[in-house]
């Protein structure tokens, strides 16, 4: 644990909101033929998942106010089928689904 619980509860919403904004900014607007480039959002989705897991482990209670931000940033990744031959695409998809699991 990098931060004690009071500091984590204070900074957690801002960190999640900023990660979500960066993920949305790096998710390309896709046409029907274009697929999501997993490499552009993978580090952000993995970081988001790690922060959500840390907050869950520490028992933070403010997940509900962050739900819209996490949904907006991970929904395009979850709804885009991963390229089965591309390991980065599959890992990004799994981490995005894991974000939903933490929020559930």
N, C-alpha and C. Protein backbone atom coordinates (compact mmCIF):
# COMPACT_ATOMS: atom_id res chain seq x y z
N UNK A 1 0.84 -1.17 0.00
CA UNK A 1 0.00 0.00 0.00
C UNK A 1 0.89 1.24 0.00
N UNK A 2 0.68 2.09 -0.98
CA UNK A 2 1.51 3.28 -1.10
C UNK A 2 1.03 4.44 -0.25
N UNK A 3 -0.27 4.53 -0.02
CA UNK A 3 -0.85 5.63 0.74
C UNK A 3 -1.66 5.09 1.91
N UNK A 4 -1.64 5.78 3.04
CA UNK A 4 -2.54 5.39 4.11
C UNK A 4 -3.99 5.66 3.70
N UNK A 5 -4.93 4.99 4.36
CA UNK A 5 -6.33 5.06 3.96
C UNK A 5 -6.89 6.49 3.87
N UNK A 6 -6.63 7.39 4.84
CA UNK A 6 -7.19 8.75 4.71
C UNK A 6 -6.70 9.48 3.46
N UNK A 7 -5.40 9.34 3.15
CA UNK A 7 -4.86 9.98 1.95
C UNK A 7 -5.42 9.33 0.68
N UNK A 8 -5.56 8.02 0.69
CA UNK A 8 -6.11 7.32 -0.46
C UNK A 8 -7.55 7.75 -0.72
N UNK A 9 -8.36 7.85 0.33
CA UNK A 9 -9.75 8.27 0.16
C UNK A 9 -9.85 9.69 -0.38
N UNK A 10 -8.90 10.54 0.01
CA UNK A 10 -8.90 11.93 -0.47
C UNK A 10 -8.48 12.01 -1.93
N UNK A 11 -7.46 11.28 -2.32
CA UNK A 11 -6.89 11.38 -3.67
C UNK A 11 -7.51 10.43 -4.69
N UNK A 12 -8.12 9.37 -4.21
CA UNK A 12 -8.68 8.34 -5.07
C UNK A 12 -9.62 8.89 -6.14
N UNK A 13 -10.62 9.73 -5.81
CA UNK A 13 -11.52 10.23 -6.86
C UNK A 13 -10.80 11.03 -7.94
N UNK A 14 -9.86 11.87 -7.55
CA UNK A 14 -9.13 12.68 -8.54
C UNK A 14 -8.28 11.82 -9.45
N UNK A 15 -7.60 10.83 -8.89
CA UNK A 15 -6.75 9.95 -9.69
C UNK A 15 -7.59 9.17 -10.70
N UNK A 16 -8.71 8.62 -10.24
CA UNK A 16 -9.58 7.85 -11.13
C UNK A 16 -10.16 8.73 -12.22
N UNK A 17 -10.61 9.93 -11.87
CA UNK A 17 -11.16 10.84 -12.87
C UNK A 17 -10.13 11.20 -13.92
N UNK A 18 -8.90 11.47 -13.50
CA UNK A 18 -7.85 11.83 -14.46
C UNK A 18 -7.47 10.65 -15.36
N UNK A 19 -7.36 9.46 -14.78
CA UNK A 19 -7.08 8.27 -15.60
C UNK A 19 -8.19 8.03 -16.62
N UNK A 20 -9.43 8.20 -16.18
CA UNK A 20 -10.56 8.01 -17.09
C UNK A 20 -10.56 9.04 -18.22
N UNK A 21 -10.25 10.29 -17.89
CA UNK A 21 -10.19 11.33 -18.92
C UNK A 21 -9.09 11.03 -19.93
N UNK A 22 -7.94 10.57 -19.46
CA UNK A 22 -6.86 10.24 -20.39
C UNK A 22 -7.23 9.03 -21.25
N UNK A 23 -7.90 8.05 -20.66
CA UNK A 23 -8.30 6.87 -21.43
C UNK A 23 -9.30 7.25 -22.52
N UNK A 24 -10.25 8.11 -22.20
CA UNK A 24 -11.23 8.56 -23.20
C UNK A 24 -10.53 9.37 -24.29
N UNK A 25 -9.58 10.22 -23.90
CA UNK A 25 -8.87 11.03 -24.88
C UNK A 25 -8.01 10.17 -25.81
N UNK A 26 -7.52 9.04 -25.32
CA UNK A 26 -6.67 8.17 -26.14
C UNK A 26 -7.42 7.07 -26.85
N UNK A 27 -8.72 6.97 -26.64
CA UNK A 27 -9.54 5.99 -27.35
C UNK A 27 -9.96 6.62 -28.66
N UNK A 28 -9.53 6.07 -29.78
CA UNK A 28 -9.87 6.69 -31.07
C UNK A 28 -11.37 6.56 -31.38
N UNK A 29 -11.89 7.58 -32.04
CA UNK A 29 -13.26 7.51 -32.55
C UNK A 29 -13.22 6.49 -33.68
N UNK A 30 -14.03 5.45 -33.55
CA UNK A 30 -13.92 4.34 -34.48
C UNK A 30 -15.06 4.34 -35.49
N UNK A 31 -14.72 4.01 -36.70
CA UNK A 31 -15.74 3.74 -37.71
C UNK A 31 -16.08 2.26 -37.61
N UNK A 32 -17.01 1.80 -38.41
CA UNK A 32 -17.41 0.40 -38.32
C UNK A 32 -16.28 -0.56 -38.71
N UNK A 33 -15.35 -0.14 -39.56
CA UNK A 33 -14.27 -1.02 -39.97
C UNK A 33 -13.05 -0.93 -39.06
N UNK A 34 -12.89 0.19 -38.38
CA UNK A 34 -11.69 0.42 -37.59
C UNK A 34 -11.83 -0.23 -36.21
N UNK A 35 -10.79 -0.88 -35.75
CA UNK A 35 -10.82 -1.52 -34.44
C UNK A 35 -10.03 -0.69 -33.44
N UNK A 36 -10.40 -0.83 -32.20
CA UNK A 36 -9.73 -0.12 -31.12
C UNK A 36 -8.27 -0.53 -31.04
N UNK A 37 -7.38 0.42 -30.95
CA UNK A 37 -5.96 0.13 -30.80
C UNK A 37 -5.66 -0.07 -29.32
N UNK A 38 -5.50 -1.30 -28.92
CA UNK A 38 -5.32 -1.64 -27.50
C UNK A 38 -4.05 -1.03 -26.92
N UNK A 39 -3.03 -0.90 -27.71
CA UNK A 39 -1.75 -0.39 -27.20
C UNK A 39 -1.87 1.05 -26.71
N UNK A 40 -2.78 1.82 -27.27
CA UNK A 40 -2.90 3.22 -26.88
C UNK A 40 -3.59 3.40 -25.53
N UNK A 41 -4.45 2.48 -25.14
CA UNK A 41 -5.18 2.62 -23.88
C UNK A 41 -4.79 1.58 -22.82
N UNK A 42 -3.99 0.61 -23.19
CA UNK A 42 -3.66 -0.47 -22.26
C UNK A 42 -3.01 0.03 -20.96
N UNK A 43 -1.99 0.88 -21.01
CA UNK A 43 -1.40 1.33 -19.73
C UNK A 43 -2.39 2.08 -18.86
N UNK A 44 -3.28 2.84 -19.48
CA UNK A 44 -4.25 3.60 -18.70
C UNK A 44 -5.30 2.70 -18.06
N UNK A 45 -5.77 1.70 -18.81
CA UNK A 45 -6.76 0.77 -18.27
C UNK A 45 -6.13 -0.08 -17.17
N UNK A 46 -4.89 -0.51 -17.35
CA UNK A 46 -4.21 -1.29 -16.31
C UNK A 46 -4.01 -0.45 -15.05
N UNK A 47 -3.65 0.81 -15.21
CA UNK A 47 -3.48 1.70 -14.06
C UNK A 47 -4.80 1.94 -13.35
N UNK A 48 -5.84 2.16 -14.13
CA UNK A 48 -7.17 2.36 -13.56
C UNK A 48 -7.59 1.14 -12.75
N UNK A 49 -7.37 -0.03 -13.29
CA UNK A 49 -7.72 -1.27 -12.60
C UNK A 49 -6.92 -1.41 -11.30
N UNK A 50 -5.65 -1.10 -11.34
CA UNK A 50 -4.80 -1.20 -10.14
C UNK A 50 -5.25 -0.22 -9.06
N UNK A 51 -5.61 0.99 -9.45
CA UNK A 51 -6.08 1.98 -8.47
C UNK A 51 -7.41 1.55 -7.87
N UNK A 52 -8.31 1.04 -8.71
CA UNK A 52 -9.60 0.57 -8.20
C UNK A 52 -9.41 -0.61 -7.23
N UNK A 53 -8.51 -1.53 -7.58
CA UNK A 53 -8.23 -2.68 -6.69
C UNK A 53 -7.65 -2.21 -5.36
N UNK A 54 -6.73 -1.25 -5.39
CA UNK A 54 -6.12 -0.74 -4.17
C UNK A 54 -7.17 -0.07 -3.28
N UNK A 55 -8.05 0.70 -3.89
CA UNK A 55 -9.10 1.36 -3.12
C UNK A 55 -10.07 0.34 -2.53
N UNK A 56 -10.36 -0.70 -3.29
CA UNK A 56 -11.24 -1.76 -2.79
C UNK A 56 -10.59 -2.48 -1.61
N UNK A 57 -9.30 -2.76 -1.72
CA UNK A 57 -8.57 -3.44 -0.66
C UNK A 57 -8.54 -2.60 0.62
N UNK A 58 -8.39 -1.29 0.45
CA UNK A 58 -8.34 -0.39 1.60
C UNK A 58 -9.72 -0.06 2.17
N UNK A 59 -10.77 -0.43 1.44
CA UNK A 59 -12.12 -0.21 1.93
C UNK A 59 -12.66 1.19 1.66
N UNK A 60 -12.24 1.82 0.59
CA UNK A 60 -12.79 3.14 0.24
C UNK A 60 -14.27 3.00 -0.12
N UNK A 61 -15.03 4.02 0.22
CA UNK A 61 -16.48 3.94 0.05
C UNK A 61 -17.02 4.79 -1.10
N UNK A 62 -16.20 5.53 -1.79
CA UNK A 62 -16.71 6.48 -2.78
C UNK A 62 -16.65 5.96 -4.21
N UNK A 63 -16.98 4.69 -4.41
CA UNK A 63 -17.01 4.11 -5.75
C UNK A 63 -18.20 4.61 -6.56
N UNK A 64 -19.32 4.84 -5.91
CA UNK A 64 -20.55 5.16 -6.64
C UNK A 64 -20.44 6.45 -7.43
N UNK A 65 -19.74 7.45 -6.90
CA UNK A 65 -19.62 8.71 -7.62
C UNK A 65 -18.66 8.61 -8.81
N UNK A 66 -17.84 7.58 -8.84
CA UNK A 66 -16.88 7.41 -9.93
C UNK A 66 -17.39 6.47 -11.02
N UNK A 67 -18.50 5.82 -10.78
CA UNK A 67 -19.03 4.85 -11.73
C UNK A 67 -19.21 5.42 -13.14
N UNK A 68 -19.83 6.63 -13.30
CA UNK A 68 -19.99 7.17 -14.67
C UNK A 68 -18.66 7.39 -15.39
N UNK A 69 -17.64 7.82 -14.67
CA UNK A 69 -16.34 8.05 -15.29
C UNK A 69 -15.70 6.75 -15.75
N UNK A 70 -15.76 5.74 -14.89
CA UNK A 70 -15.18 4.44 -15.25
C UNK A 70 -15.95 3.82 -16.41
N UNK A 71 -17.26 3.94 -16.37
CA UNK A 71 -18.08 3.40 -17.47
C UNK A 71 -17.72 4.06 -18.79
N UNK A 72 -17.61 5.38 -18.79
CA UNK A 72 -17.32 6.11 -20.03
C UNK A 72 -15.95 5.74 -20.61
N UNK A 73 -15.00 5.45 -19.74
CA UNK A 73 -13.66 5.16 -20.24
C UNK A 73 -13.46 3.69 -20.61
N UNK A 74 -14.14 2.78 -19.94
CA UNK A 74 -13.91 1.36 -20.21
C UNK A 74 -14.94 0.74 -21.14
N UNK A 75 -16.09 1.36 -21.28
CA UNK A 75 -17.16 0.80 -22.11
C UNK A 75 -16.72 0.55 -23.55
N UNK A 76 -16.03 1.50 -24.22
CA UNK A 76 -15.59 1.22 -25.60
C UNK A 76 -14.63 0.04 -25.69
N UNK A 77 -13.82 -0.15 -24.67
CA UNK A 77 -12.86 -1.27 -24.68
C UNK A 77 -13.58 -2.59 -24.47
N UNK A 78 -14.54 -2.60 -23.56
CA UNK A 78 -15.28 -3.83 -23.27
C UNK A 78 -16.15 -4.23 -24.45
N UNK A 79 -16.75 -3.25 -25.12
CA UNK A 79 -17.66 -3.55 -26.23
C UNK A 79 -16.94 -3.87 -27.53
N UNK A 80 -15.66 -3.58 -27.60
CA UNK A 80 -14.88 -3.90 -28.79
C UNK A 80 -14.27 -5.28 -28.60
N UNK A 81 -14.60 -6.24 -29.47
CA UNK A 81 -14.02 -7.58 -29.28
C UNK A 81 -12.51 -7.54 -29.46
N UNK A 82 -11.80 -8.26 -28.59
CA UNK A 82 -10.33 -8.26 -28.73
C UNK A 82 -9.89 -9.04 -29.95
N UNK A 83 -8.75 -8.65 -30.48
CA UNK A 83 -8.14 -9.40 -31.58
C UNK A 83 -7.47 -10.62 -30.95
N UNK A 84 -7.95 -11.79 -31.27
CA UNK A 84 -7.47 -13.00 -30.61
C UNK A 84 -6.00 -13.30 -30.86
N UNK A 85 -5.44 -12.80 -31.92
CA UNK A 85 -4.02 -13.02 -32.18
C UNK A 85 -3.13 -12.00 -31.50
N UNK A 86 -3.71 -10.93 -30.97
CA UNK A 86 -2.96 -9.84 -30.37
C UNK A 86 -3.06 -9.92 -28.85
N UNK A 87 -1.96 -10.24 -28.19
CA UNK A 87 -1.94 -10.41 -26.75
C UNK A 87 -2.28 -9.11 -26.02
N UNK A 88 -1.82 -7.97 -26.52
CA UNK A 88 -2.10 -6.68 -25.88
C UNK A 88 -3.60 -6.39 -25.91
N UNK A 89 -4.23 -6.69 -27.02
CA UNK A 89 -5.67 -6.47 -27.15
C UNK A 89 -6.45 -7.32 -26.15
N UNK A 90 -6.06 -8.57 -26.01
CA UNK A 90 -6.75 -9.47 -25.07
C UNK A 90 -6.54 -9.02 -23.63
N UNK A 91 -5.31 -8.62 -23.28
CA UNK A 91 -5.03 -8.17 -21.92
C UNK A 91 -5.78 -6.88 -21.59
N UNK A 92 -5.86 -5.98 -22.55
CA UNK A 92 -6.60 -4.73 -22.33
C UNK A 92 -8.07 -5.02 -22.10
N UNK A 93 -8.62 -5.92 -22.88
CA UNK A 93 -10.02 -6.29 -22.73
C UNK A 93 -10.28 -6.91 -21.36
N UNK A 94 -9.40 -7.80 -20.92
CA UNK A 94 -9.55 -8.46 -19.62
C UNK A 94 -9.47 -7.43 -18.49
N UNK A 95 -8.54 -6.50 -18.57
CA UNK A 95 -8.39 -5.48 -17.52
C UNK A 95 -9.61 -4.55 -17.48
N UNK A 96 -10.17 -4.24 -18.63
CA UNK A 96 -11.37 -3.40 -18.66
C UNK A 96 -12.55 -4.11 -18.00
N UNK A 97 -12.69 -5.39 -18.28
CA UNK A 97 -13.74 -6.19 -17.63
C UNK A 97 -13.48 -6.28 -16.13
N UNK A 98 -12.21 -6.38 -15.75
CA UNK A 98 -11.86 -6.43 -14.33
C UNK A 98 -12.25 -5.15 -13.61
N UNK A 99 -12.17 -4.01 -14.29
CA UNK A 99 -12.62 -2.74 -13.70
C UNK A 99 -14.10 -2.82 -13.34
N UNK A 100 -14.90 -3.41 -14.23
CA UNK A 100 -16.32 -3.58 -13.94
C UNK A 100 -16.52 -4.51 -12.74
N UNK A 101 -15.72 -5.56 -12.65
CA UNK A 101 -15.83 -6.50 -11.53
C UNK A 101 -15.56 -5.82 -10.20
N UNK A 102 -14.57 -4.93 -10.18
CA UNK A 102 -14.25 -4.22 -8.94
C UNK A 102 -15.41 -3.31 -8.54
N UNK A 103 -16.03 -2.68 -9.51
CA UNK A 103 -17.14 -1.77 -9.21
C UNK A 103 -18.41 -2.51 -8.79
N UNK A 104 -18.52 -3.78 -9.19
CA UNK A 104 -19.75 -4.53 -8.89
C UNK A 104 -19.89 -4.89 -7.43
